[in-house]
């Protein structure tokens, strides 16, 4: 039981940490890279400003 809870907690932490890193990197992309992934600067900044716990 405790083991399962720790695994779930660790998985949640990893997912949120990855989301935080991804959003931080999204702010740093230049216009050409944003064009490549199909979003504009405004959308990228909106996504980057979301808290890490929000999907």
PDB file of N, CA and C in Angstrom:
ATOM      1  N   UNK A   1       0.823  -1.191   0.000  1.00  0.00           N
ATOM      2  CA  UNK A   1       0.000   0.000   0.000  1.00  0.00           C
ATOM      3  C   UNK A   1       0.873   1.264   0.000  1.00  0.00           C
ATOM      4  N   UNK A   2       1.773   1.359   0.969  1.00  0.00           N
ATOM      5  CA  UNK A   2       2.676   2.511   1.032  1.00  0.00           C
ATOM      6  C   UNK A   2       3.541   2.581  -0.220  1.00  0.00           C
ATOM      7  N   UNK A   3       4.017   1.429  -0.649  1.00  0.00           N
ATOM      8  CA  UNK A   3       4.844   1.359  -1.851  1.00  0.00           C
ATOM      9  C   UNK A   3       4.081   1.904  -3.058  1.00  0.00           C
ATOM     10  N   UNK A   4       2.838   1.501  -3.219  1.00  0.00           N
ATOM     11  CA  UNK A   4       2.019   1.984  -4.343  1.00  0.00           C
ATOM     12  C   UNK A   4       1.798   3.492  -4.266  1.00  0.00           C
ATOM     13  N   UNK A   5       1.563   3.982  -3.071  1.00  0.00           N
ATOM     14  CA  UNK A   5       1.368   5.427  -2.894  1.00  0.00           C
ATOM     15  C   UNK A   5       2.632   6.208  -3.230  1.00  0.00           C
ATOM     16  N   UNK A   6       3.770   5.680  -2.849  1.00  0.00           N
ATOM     17  CA  UNK A   6       5.037   6.345  -3.168  1.00  0.00           C
ATOM     18  C   UNK A   6       5.298   6.348  -4.670  1.00  0.00           C
ATOM     19  N   UNK A   7       4.978   5.255  -5.321  1.00  0.00           N
ATOM     20  CA  UNK A   7       5.145   5.190  -6.777  1.00  0.00           C
ATOM     21  C   UNK A   7       4.242   6.209  -7.456  1.00  0.00           C
ATOM     22  N   UNK A   8       3.000   6.302  -7.008  1.00  0.00           N
ATOM     23  CA  UNK A   8       2.064   7.272  -7.570  1.00  0.00           C
ATOM     24  C   UNK A   8       2.545   8.701  -7.323  1.00  0.00           C
ATOM     25  N   UNK A   9       2.996   8.967  -6.121  1.00  0.00           N
ATOM     26  CA  UNK A   9       3.506  10.293  -5.777  1.00  0.00           C
ATOM     27  C   UNK A   9       4.714  10.657  -6.639  1.00  0.00           C
ATOM     28  N   UNK A  10       5.636   9.730  -6.807  1.00  0.00           N
ATOM     29  CA  UNK A  10       6.821   9.973  -7.617  1.00  0.00           C
ATOM     30  C   UNK A  10       6.439  10.212  -9.084  1.00  0.00           C
ATOM     31  N   UNK A  11       5.509   9.430  -9.598  1.00  0.00           N
ATOM     32  CA  UNK A  11       5.063   9.592 -10.991  1.00  0.00           C
ATOM     33  C   UNK A  11       4.413  10.964 -11.190  1.00  0.00           C
ATOM     34  N   UNK A  12       3.627  11.377 -10.231  1.00  0.00           N
ATOM     35  CA  UNK A  12       2.987  12.696 -10.305  1.00  0.00           C
ATOM     36  C   UNK A  12       4.033  13.797 -10.278  1.00  0.00           C
ATOM     37  N   UNK A  13       4.996  13.679  -9.394  1.00  0.00           N
ATOM     38  CA  UNK A  13       6.060  14.671  -9.316  1.00  0.00           C
ATOM     39  C   UNK A  13       6.840  14.758 -10.630  1.00  0.00           C
ATOM     40  N   UNK A  14       7.173  13.600 -11.199  1.00  0.00           N
ATOM     41  CA  UNK A  14       7.927  13.593 -12.468  1.00  0.00           C
ATOM     42  C   UNK A  14       7.140  14.249 -13.591  1.00  0.00           C
ATOM     43  N   UNK A  15       5.847  13.962 -13.662  1.00  0.00           N
ATOM     44  CA  UNK A  15       4.997  14.535 -14.706  1.00  0.00           C
ATOM     45  C   UNK A  15       4.930  16.056 -14.559  1.00  0.00           C
ATOM     46  N   UNK A  16       4.781  16.538 -13.343  1.00  0.00           N
ATOM     47  CA  UNK A  16       4.706  17.975 -13.121  1.00  0.00           C
ATOM     48  C   UNK A  16       6.051  18.654 -13.371  1.00  0.00           C
ATOM     49  N   UNK A  17       7.138  18.017 -13.017  1.00  0.00           N
ATOM     50  CA  UNK A  17       8.468  18.571 -13.281  1.00  0.00           C
ATOM     51  C   UNK A  17       8.724  18.661 -14.787  1.00  0.00           C
ATOM     52  N   UNK A  18       8.319  17.631 -15.517  1.00  0.00           N
ATOM     53  CA  UNK A  18       8.484  17.638 -16.972  1.00  0.00           C
ATOM     54  C   UNK A  18       7.636  18.744 -17.601  1.00  0.00           C
ATOM     55  N   UNK A  19       6.422  18.897 -17.121  1.00  0.00           N
ATOM     56  CA  UNK A  19       5.536  19.952 -17.626  1.00  0.00           C
ATOM     57  C   UNK A  19       6.166  21.328 -17.374  1.00  0.00           C
ATOM     58  N   UNK A  20       6.743  21.520 -16.201  1.00  0.00           N
ATOM     59  CA  UNK A  20       7.396  22.792 -15.873  1.00  0.00           C
ATOM     60  C   UNK A  20       8.570  23.070 -16.816  1.00  0.00           C
ATOM     61  N   UNK A  21       9.407  22.060 -17.023  1.00  0.00           N
ATOM     62  CA  UNK A  21      10.560  22.237 -17.932  1.00  0.00           C
ATOM     63  C   UNK A  21      10.103  22.537 -19.357  1.00  0.00           C
ATOM     64  N   UNK A  22       9.106  21.817 -19.823  1.00  0.00           N
ATOM     65  CA  UNK A  22       8.610  22.016 -21.188  1.00  0.00           C
ATOM     66  C   UNK A  22       8.057  23.416 -21.378  1.00  0.00           C
ATOM     67  N   UNK A  23       7.308  23.877 -20.408  1.00  0.00           N
ATOM     68  CA  UNK A  23       6.723  25.219 -20.526  1.00  0.00           C
ATOM     69  C   UNK A  23       7.792  26.295 -20.450  1.00  0.00           C
ATOM     70  N   UNK A  24       8.793  26.094 -19.627  1.00  0.00           N
ATOM     71  CA  UNK A  24       9.879  27.070 -19.542  1.00  0.00           C
ATOM     72  C   UNK A  24      10.636  27.127 -20.872  1.00  0.00           C
ATOM     73  N   UNK A  25      10.874  25.984 -21.472  1.00  0.00           N
ATOM     74  CA  UNK A  25      11.579  25.952 -22.763  1.00  0.00           C
ATOM     75  C   UNK A  25      10.737  26.555 -23.878  1.00  0.00           C
ATOM     76  N   UNK A  26       9.436  26.396 -23.799  1.00  0.00           N
ATOM     77  CA  UNK A  26       8.545  26.935 -24.818  1.00  0.00           C
ATOM     78  C   UNK A  26       8.704  28.452 -24.935  1.00  0.00           C
ATOM     79  N   UNK A  27       8.916  29.125 -23.828  1.00  0.00           N
ATOM     80  CA  UNK A  27       9.106  30.589 -23.840  1.00  0.00           C
ATOM     81  C   UNK A  27      10.358  30.994 -24.603  1.00  0.00           C
ATOM     82  N   UNK A  28      11.329  30.096 -24.659  1.00  0.00           N
ATOM     83  CA  UNK A  28      12.623  30.424 -25.240  1.00  0.00           C
ATOM     84  C   UNK A  28      12.703  30.176 -26.743  1.00  0.00           C
ATOM     85  N   UNK A  29      11.700  29.525 -27.313  1.00  0.00           N
ATOM     86  CA  UNK A  29      11.757  29.197 -28.736  1.00  0.00           C
ATOM     87  C   UNK A  29      11.607  30.444 -29.591  1.00  0.00           C
ATOM     88  N   UNK A  30      12.351  30.482 -30.693  1.00  0.00           N
ATOM     89  CA  UNK A  30      12.213  31.614 -31.596  1.00  0.00           C
ATOM     90  C   UNK A  30      11.026  31.380 -32.545  1.00  0.00           C
ATOM     91  N   UNK A  31      10.712  32.394 -33.330  1.00  0.00           N
ATOM     92  CA  UNK A  31       9.542  32.361 -34.211  1.00  0.00           C
ATOM     93  C   UNK A  31       9.585  31.188 -35.180  1.00  0.00           C
ATOM     94  N   UNK A  32      10.757  30.879 -35.701  1.00  0.00           N
ATOM     95  CA  UNK A  32      10.879  29.791 -36.675  1.00  0.00           C
ATOM     96  C   UNK A  32      10.538  28.442 -36.035  1.00  0.00           C
ATOM     97  N   UNK A  33      11.023  28.212 -34.841  1.00  0.00           N
ATOM     98  CA  UNK A  33      10.720  26.956 -34.162  1.00  0.00           C
ATOM     99  C   UNK A  33       9.252  26.880 -33.770  1.00  0.00           C
ATOM    100  N   UNK A  34       8.690  28.004 -33.350  1.00  0.00           N
ATOM    101  CA  UNK A  34       7.260  28.016 -33.043  1.00  0.00           C
ATOM    102  C   UNK A  34       6.438  27.715 -34.294  1.00  0.00           C
ATOM    103  N   UNK A  35       6.849  28.281 -35.429  1.00  0.00           N
ATOM    104  CA  UNK A  35       6.175  27.978 -36.691  1.00  0.00           C
ATOM    105  C   UNK A  35       6.250  26.482 -36.992  1.00  0.00           C
ATOM    106  N   UNK A  36       7.399  25.880 -36.720  1.00  0.00           N
ATOM    107  CA  UNK A  36       7.575  24.449 -36.975  1.00  0.00           C
ATOM    108  C   UNK A  36       6.607  23.582 -36.176  1.00  0.00           C
ATOM    109  N   UNK A  37       6.307  24.003 -34.952  1.00  0.00           N
ATOM    110  CA  UNK A  37       5.384  23.206 -34.139  1.00  0.00           C
ATOM    111  C   UNK A  37       3.945  23.699 -34.258  1.00  0.00           C
ATOM    112  N   UNK A  38       3.740  24.767 -35.034  1.00  0.00           N
ATOM    113  CA  UNK A  38       2.391  25.201 -35.366  1.00  0.00           C
ATOM    114  C   UNK A  38       1.704  26.090 -34.347  1.00  0.00           C
ATOM    115  N   UNK A  39       2.485  26.858 -33.571  1.00  0.00           N
ATOM    116  CA  UNK A  39       1.856  27.810 -32.658  1.00  0.00           C
ATOM    117  C   UNK A  39       2.522  29.172 -32.783  1.00  0.00           C
ATOM    118  N   UNK A  40       1.782  30.197 -32.397  1.00  0.00           N
ATOM    119  CA  UNK A  40       2.344  31.549 -32.460  1.00  0.00           C
ATOM    120  C   UNK A  40       2.900  31.947 -31.090  1.00  0.00           C
ATOM    121  N   UNK A  41       3.577  33.083 -31.044  1.00  0.00           N
ATOM    122  CA  UNK A  41       4.223  33.552 -29.809  1.00  0.00           C
ATOM    123  C   UNK A  41       3.201  33.737 -28.687  1.00  0.00           C
ATOM    124  N   UNK A  42       2.058  34.313 -29.021  1.00  0.00           N
ATOM    125  CA  UNK A  42       1.029  34.561 -28.007  1.00  0.00           C
ATOM    126  C   UNK A  42       0.560  33.257 -27.357  1.00  0.00           C
ATOM    127  N   UNK A  43       0.306  32.249 -28.170  1.00  0.00           N
ATOM    128  CA  UNK A  43      -0.123  30.950 -27.654  1.00  0.00           C
ATOM    129  C   UNK A  43       0.976  30.317 -26.817  1.00  0.00           C
ATOM    130  N   UNK A  44       2.211  30.426 -27.271  1.00  0.00           N
ATOM    131  CA  UNK A  44       3.340  29.852 -26.533  1.00  0.00           C
ATOM    132  C   UNK A  44       3.477  30.509 -25.166  1.00  0.00           C
ATOM    133  N   UNK A  45       3.360  31.828 -25.113  1.00  0.00           N
ATOM    134  CA  UNK A  45       3.480  32.523 -23.837  1.00  0.00           C
ATOM    135  C   UNK A  45       2.308  32.209 -22.914  1.00  0.00           C
ATOM    136  N   UNK A  46       1.124  32.079 -23.491  1.00  0.00           N
ATOM    137  CA  UNK A  46      -0.047  31.704 -22.691  1.00  0.00           C
ATOM    138  C   UNK A  46       0.171  30.334 -22.049  1.00  0.00           C
ATOM    139  N   UNK A  47       0.648  29.383 -22.832  1.00  0.00           N
ATOM    140  CA  UNK A  47       0.915  28.039 -22.315  1.00  0.00           C
ATOM    141  C   UNK A  47       2.046  28.065 -21.281  1.00  0.00           C
ATOM    142  N   UNK A  48       3.066  28.838 -21.545  1.00  0.00           N
ATOM    143  CA  UNK A  48       4.229  28.894 -20.647  1.00  0.00           C
ATOM    144  C   UNK A  48       3.877  29.499 -19.294  1.00  0.00           C
ATOM    145  N   UNK A  49       2.868  30.337 -19.255  1.00  0.00           N
ATOM    146  CA  UNK A  49       2.490  30.987 -17.995  1.00  0.00           C
ATOM    147  C   UNK A  49       1.590  30.128 -17.113  1.00  0.00           C
ATOM    148  N   UNK A  50       1.112  29.008 -17.632  1.00  0.00           N
ATOM    149  CA  UNK A  50       0.263  28.136 -16.824  1.00  0.00           C
ATOM    150  C   UNK A  50       1.072  27.535 -15.677  1.00  0.00           C
ATOM    151  N   UNK A  51       0.444  27.360 -14.540  1.00  0.00           N
ATOM    152  CA  UNK A  51       1.140  26.689 -13.426  1.00  0.00           C
ATOM    153  C   UNK A  51       1.436  25.239 -13.796  1.00  0.00           C
ATOM    154  N   UNK A  52       2.496  24.688 -13.246  1.00  0.00           N
ATOM    155  CA  UNK A  52       2.925  23.340 -13.606  1.00  0.00           C
ATOM    156  C   UNK A  52       1.890  22.271 -13.263  1.00  0.00           C
ATOM    157  N   UNK A  53       1.001  22.538 -12.336  1.00  0.00           N
ATOM    158  CA  UNK A  53       0.044  21.519 -11.947  1.00  0.00           C
ATOM    159  C   UNK A  53      -1.171  21.463 -12.877  1.00  0.00           C
ATOM    160  N   UNK A  54      -1.310  22.449 -13.756  1.00  0.00           N
ATOM    161  CA  UNK A  54      -2.432  22.441 -14.703  1.00  0.00           C
ATOM    162  C   UNK A  54      -2.019  21.798 -16.013  1.00  0.00           C
ATOM    163  N   UNK A  55      -2.808  20.845 -16.476  1.00  0.00           N
ATOM    164  CA  UNK A  55      -2.468  20.195 -17.760  1.00  0.00           C
ATOM    165  C   UNK A  55      -2.658  21.128 -18.948  1.00  0.00           C
TER     166      UNK A  55
END
